[in-house]
Each structure stands twice: as structure tokens, then as C-alpha cells.
N, C-alpha and C. Protein backbone atom coordinates (compact mmCIF):
# COMPACT_ATOMS: atom_id res chain seq x y z
N MET A 1 43.10 7.09 -6.93
CA MET A 1 42.28 7.16 -7.99
C MET A 1 42.59 8.84 -8.49
N GLU A 2 43.33 8.77 -9.94
CA GLU A 2 43.22 10.38 -10.44
C GLU A 2 41.68 11.12 -10.87
N SER A 3 41.52 11.91 -10.91
CA SER A 3 40.80 12.67 -11.39
C SER A 3 40.81 13.83 -12.79
N ALA A 4 40.90 14.24 -13.41
CA ALA A 4 40.99 15.50 -13.75
C ALA A 4 39.54 15.83 -14.26
N TYR A 5 39.79 17.73 -14.46
CA TYR A 5 38.21 18.27 -14.55
C TYR A 5 38.57 19.69 -14.95
N CYS A 6 37.97 20.64 -15.52
CA CYS A 6 38.29 21.95 -15.99
C CYS A 6 37.21 22.64 -15.06
N VAL A 7 37.97 23.75 -14.82
CA VAL A 7 37.04 25.02 -14.10
C VAL A 7 37.25 26.38 -14.54
N LEU A 8 35.60 26.76 -14.96
CA LEU A 8 36.18 28.28 -15.13
C LEU A 8 36.05 29.27 -13.93
N ALA A 9 36.65 29.95 -13.69
CA ALA A 9 36.59 31.21 -12.74
C ALA A 9 36.45 32.63 -13.04
N PHE A 10 35.38 32.86 -12.14
CA PHE A 10 34.98 34.23 -13.10
C PHE A 10 35.22 35.38 -12.19
N GLN A 11 35.09 36.76 -12.87
CA GLN A 11 35.74 38.05 -11.96
C GLN A 11 34.53 38.63 -11.50
N ASN A 12 33.36 38.09 -11.61
CA ASN A 12 32.18 38.63 -10.76
C ASN A 12 30.96 37.80 -11.03
N THR A 13 29.83 38.29 -9.81
CA THR A 13 29.29 36.88 -9.80
C THR A 13 28.01 36.75 -10.93
N HIS A 14 27.54 38.15 -11.57
CA HIS A 14 27.14 37.82 -12.70
C HIS A 14 27.37 37.16 -13.71
N ALA A 15 28.67 37.31 -14.51
CA ALA A 15 29.71 36.58 -15.07
C ALA A 15 29.30 35.11 -15.32
N ALA A 16 29.55 34.59 -13.73
CA ALA A 16 29.52 33.16 -13.20
C ALA A 16 27.75 32.76 -13.75
N LEU A 17 26.66 33.69 -13.35
CA LEU A 17 25.62 33.04 -13.41
C LEU A 17 24.95 33.01 -14.69
N SER A 18 25.37 34.23 -15.86
CA SER A 18 25.49 34.29 -17.24
C SER A 18 25.79 33.01 -18.09
N ALA A 19 26.82 32.77 -17.56
CA ALA A 19 28.04 31.59 -18.06
C ALA A 19 26.82 30.51 -18.17
N GLN A 20 26.60 30.30 -16.86
CA GLN A 20 25.99 28.79 -16.15
C GLN A 20 24.88 28.85 -17.44
N LYS A 21 23.73 29.69 -17.02
CA LYS A 21 22.51 29.82 -17.92
C LYS A 21 22.99 29.49 -19.31
N ALA A 22 23.60 30.25 -19.97
CA ALA A 22 23.96 30.22 -21.51
C ALA A 22 24.53 28.40 -21.16
N LEU A 23 25.32 28.09 -20.66
CA LEU A 23 25.79 26.48 -20.72
C LEU A 23 24.37 25.39 -20.72
N ALA A 24 23.46 25.62 -19.88
CA ALA A 24 22.64 24.78 -19.11
C ALA A 24 21.70 25.03 -20.71
N GLU A 25 21.15 26.25 -21.04
CA GLU A 25 20.42 26.39 -22.00
C GLU A 25 20.80 25.77 -23.01
N ALA A 26 22.02 25.50 -23.23
CA ALA A 26 22.86 24.68 -24.73
C ALA A 26 22.71 23.09 -24.51
N GLY A 27 22.71 22.42 -22.98
CA GLY A 27 22.34 21.28 -22.94
C GLY A 27 23.45 20.81 -22.26
N LEU A 28 24.50 21.51 -22.10
CA LEU A 28 25.18 21.36 -20.94
C LEU A 28 25.16 21.80 -19.20
N SER A 29 25.70 20.75 -18.52
CA SER A 29 25.36 20.80 -16.98
C SER A 29 26.70 21.50 -16.39
N PRO A 30 27.48 21.82 -16.19
CA PRO A 30 27.92 22.42 -15.45
C PRO A 30 28.16 22.59 -13.82
N LEU A 31 29.18 21.66 -12.91
CA LEU A 31 28.58 22.22 -11.67
C LEU A 31 29.18 23.36 -11.09
N MET A 32 28.30 23.86 -10.94
CA MET A 32 28.60 25.20 -9.80
C MET A 32 29.22 24.97 -8.65
N ILE A 33 30.30 25.39 -8.39
CA ILE A 33 31.49 24.82 -7.09
C ILE A 33 32.08 26.48 -6.65
N PRO A 34 32.75 26.72 -5.26
CA PRO A 34 33.14 27.58 -4.89
C PRO A 34 34.70 27.11 -5.79
N THR A 35 35.30 28.94 -5.80
CA THR A 35 36.35 28.47 -6.19
C THR A 35 37.68 28.31 -5.83
N LEU A 36 38.58 27.05 -6.15
CA LEU A 36 39.70 26.73 -5.31
C LEU A 36 40.28 27.25 -5.12
N ARG A 37 40.93 27.32 -3.76
CA ARG A 37 41.83 28.03 -3.00
C ARG A 37 43.47 28.09 -3.68
N GLU A 38 43.71 27.60 -4.74
CA GLU A 38 44.87 27.45 -5.74
C GLU A 38 44.76 29.08 -6.65
N ILE A 39 42.91 29.19 -7.20
CA ILE A 39 42.57 30.36 -8.21
C ILE A 39 42.57 31.86 -6.97
N THR A 40 43.09 32.63 -7.41
CA THR A 40 42.93 33.41 -6.53
C THR A 40 42.02 34.82 -7.12
N ALA A 41 42.23 35.25 -8.22
CA ALA A 41 41.57 36.12 -8.85
C ALA A 41 40.01 35.33 -9.17
N SER A 42 39.27 35.85 -8.64
CA SER A 42 37.95 35.39 -9.08
C SER A 42 36.55 35.92 -7.94
N CYS A 43 35.26 35.74 -8.11
CA CYS A 43 34.73 36.41 -7.19
C CYS A 43 34.17 35.15 -6.07
N GLY A 44 34.86 34.01 -6.18
CA GLY A 44 34.57 32.79 -5.44
C GLY A 44 33.28 31.96 -6.44
N ILE A 45 32.89 32.02 -7.35
CA ILE A 45 31.98 31.12 -7.78
C ILE A 45 32.59 31.02 -9.25
N SER A 46 32.78 28.96 -9.57
CA SER A 46 33.39 28.74 -10.57
C SER A 46 32.71 27.58 -11.37
N LEU A 47 33.01 27.47 -12.32
CA LEU A 47 32.15 26.17 -13.20
C LEU A 47 32.86 25.12 -13.20
N ARG A 48 32.30 23.62 -12.96
CA ARG A 48 33.09 22.79 -12.76
C ARG A 48 32.76 21.87 -14.35
N PHE A 49 33.38 21.32 -15.23
CA PHE A 49 32.82 20.55 -16.01
C PHE A 49 33.94 19.89 -16.41
N GLN A 50 33.94 18.68 -17.65
CA GLN A 50 34.77 17.70 -18.13
C GLN A 50 35.80 18.28 -19.35
N PRO A 51 36.92 17.62 -19.27
CA PRO A 51 37.85 18.05 -20.21
C PRO A 51 36.87 17.36 -22.20
N GLU A 52 36.53 16.87 -21.79
CA GLU A 52 36.16 16.37 -23.28
C GLU A 52 34.87 17.12 -23.50
N GLU A 53 34.52 18.37 -22.66
CA GLU A 53 33.34 19.76 -23.04
C GLU A 53 33.97 20.72 -23.25
N LEU A 54 35.29 21.15 -23.35
CA LEU A 54 35.89 22.14 -23.09
C LEU A 54 35.47 22.98 -24.81
N THR A 55 35.78 21.84 -25.61
CA THR A 55 35.44 22.61 -27.09
C THR A 55 34.01 22.99 -27.41
N ALA A 56 33.20 22.53 -26.51
CA ALA A 56 31.99 22.97 -26.48
C ALA A 56 31.75 24.31 -25.74
N VAL A 57 31.91 23.92 -24.35
CA VAL A 57 32.23 25.47 -23.43
C VAL A 57 32.76 26.32 -24.07
N LEU A 58 33.67 26.17 -25.03
CA LEU A 58 34.11 27.29 -25.41
C LEU A 58 33.39 28.14 -26.57
N ALA A 59 32.65 27.21 -27.02
CA ALA A 59 32.72 27.57 -28.28
C ALA A 59 30.87 28.58 -27.91
N ILE A 60 30.41 27.96 -26.70
CA ILE A 60 29.29 28.18 -26.35
C ILE A 60 29.41 29.82 -25.88
N LEU A 61 30.40 29.95 -24.96
CA LEU A 61 30.38 31.30 -24.39
C LEU A 61 31.39 32.13 -25.56
N GLY A 62 31.48 31.54 -26.21
CA GLY A 62 32.24 32.79 -27.75
C GLY A 62 30.85 33.37 -27.95
N GLU A 63 29.43 32.65 -28.33
CA GLU A 63 28.45 33.42 -28.80
C GLU A 63 27.46 34.15 -28.09
N THR A 64 28.18 34.04 -26.52
CA THR A 64 26.92 35.46 -25.81
C THR A 64 28.23 36.12 -25.96
N SER A 65 27.14 37.21 -25.57
CA SER A 65 27.73 38.71 -25.11
C SER A 65 28.92 38.76 -23.63
N LEU A 66 28.99 37.65 -23.05
CA LEU A 66 30.20 37.50 -22.04
C LEU A 66 31.45 37.80 -22.30
N ASP A 67 32.19 38.76 -22.06
CA ASP A 67 33.48 39.12 -22.10
C ASP A 67 34.78 38.37 -21.18
N ARG A 68 35.39 37.71 -23.16
CA ARG A 68 36.72 36.94 -22.58
C ARG A 68 37.28 37.34 -21.26
N ALA A 69 37.34 38.69 -20.95
CA ALA A 69 38.64 39.12 -19.95
C ALA A 69 37.64 39.05 -18.11
N LEU A 70 36.36 38.22 -18.19
CA LEU A 70 35.77 37.82 -16.87
C LEU A 70 35.80 36.86 -16.83
N TYR A 71 36.52 36.07 -17.33
CA TYR A 71 36.63 34.75 -17.19
C TYR A 71 37.94 33.81 -17.08
N ARG A 72 38.73 32.66 -16.31
CA ARG A 72 39.68 32.31 -16.82
C ARG A 72 39.47 30.86 -16.72
N LEU A 73 40.19 29.94 -17.67
CA LEU A 73 40.34 28.37 -17.48
C LEU A 73 41.20 28.04 -17.29
N TYR A 74 40.88 26.82 -16.17
CA TYR A 74 41.92 26.11 -15.55
C TYR A 74 41.64 24.61 -15.59
N ALA A 75 43.08 24.16 -15.78
CA ALA A 75 42.97 22.71 -16.06
C ALA A 75 43.31 21.87 -14.50
N VAL A 76 42.58 20.89 -13.81
CA VAL A 76 42.67 20.24 -12.09
C VAL A 76 43.03 18.81 -12.36
N SER A 77 43.81 18.75 -11.83
CA SER A 77 44.21 17.49 -12.00
C SER A 77 44.27 16.74 -10.41
N SER A 78 43.99 15.56 -9.74
CA SER A 78 43.48 15.27 -8.18
C SER A 78 43.61 13.67 -8.01
N GLY A 79 44.68 13.69 -6.73
CA GLY A 79 44.56 12.34 -6.60
C GLY A 79 44.75 12.41 -5.03
N PRO A 80 45.09 11.10 -4.08
CA PRO A 80 45.19 11.04 -2.99
C PRO A 80 45.54 12.06 -2.22
N GLY A 81 45.33 13.10 -1.71
CA GLY A 81 46.44 13.97 -0.66
C GLY A 81 46.88 15.06 -1.72
N ILE A 82 46.52 15.18 -3.09
CA ILE A 82 47.79 16.67 -3.97
C ILE A 82 46.19 16.83 -5.52
N ARG A 83 46.43 17.77 -5.48
CA ARG A 83 45.58 18.65 -6.26
C ARG A 83 46.47 19.63 -6.93
N SER A 84 46.50 19.51 -8.40
CA SER A 84 47.11 20.53 -9.27
C SER A 84 46.17 21.16 -10.05
N VAL A 85 46.45 22.64 -9.91
CA VAL A 85 45.76 23.22 -10.76
C VAL A 85 46.33 24.07 -11.80
N ARG A 86 45.97 24.24 -13.08
CA ARG A 86 47.34 25.21 -13.83
C ARG A 86 46.48 25.81 -14.59
N PRO A 87 46.56 27.85 -15.25
CA PRO A 87 45.52 28.29 -15.72
C PRO A 87 46.33 27.01 -17.78
N LEU A 88 44.45 27.26 -18.69
CA LEU A 88 45.06 26.72 -19.58
C LEU A 88 45.29 28.16 -20.39
N ASP A 89 46.02 28.00 -21.29
CA ASP A 89 46.46 28.94 -22.23
C ASP A 89 45.70 28.79 -23.69
N GLU A 90 44.84 30.04 -24.05
CA GLU A 90 44.15 29.64 -25.26
C GLU A 90 45.05 28.96 -26.65
N SER A 91 46.19 28.96 -26.51
CA SER A 91 46.89 28.10 -27.06
C SER A 91 46.99 26.47 -27.22
N GLU A 92 46.23 26.12 -26.45
CA GLU A 92 45.63 24.99 -25.70
C GLU A 92 44.65 24.18 -26.26
N PHE A 93 43.65 24.97 -26.65
CA PHE A 93 42.18 24.70 -27.57
C PHE A 93 41.97 25.58 -28.30
């Protein structure tokens, strides 16, 4: 069974915790996860959420004082024995 989700990877722990708090206060429940091995530039903490929440996540983060340079967005798809991770470009959302 294949699954797809999005991941926000952060440059530092403070940014990850700030984003998680802002999203939770807005009613979303991103899952805090260890950063995937395929994502090399990160503090080690990421937030996982569903692709259909992407627009809301970006809107909420856009309303915070969190610098856009402190996080990167990835699309992840996985199936039996395989996982694909690719950065999402801003033109995709």
C-alpha cells in the first residue's frame, strides 16, 4: 500500500517548535518526527502532515514571524520497500 505525505524540515529546534505551536493553535495536528535520512540539512526534527493540509500549513506559517529560510518542504511517497523524497518548489503551491 502506497502512502503520501508532506514534511517540513527545520534549520533549528526553535523553528520546529515554533511552527508546531502555530499549527496546533490553528487547529492542525502535525506529527513531530525525526528528520528522514534523505533530508540532510536539518536540525533533526521535522513535522509530518497530509498533502491536503499544505495550503493551510503554508498560510499559517506565513502569518508567523518564522523566517521562510528556516524551513524546507518535502513531498514523500512510500510503498513496500521504497521511499521517495523530493523537495517541493514554491511554484508547486
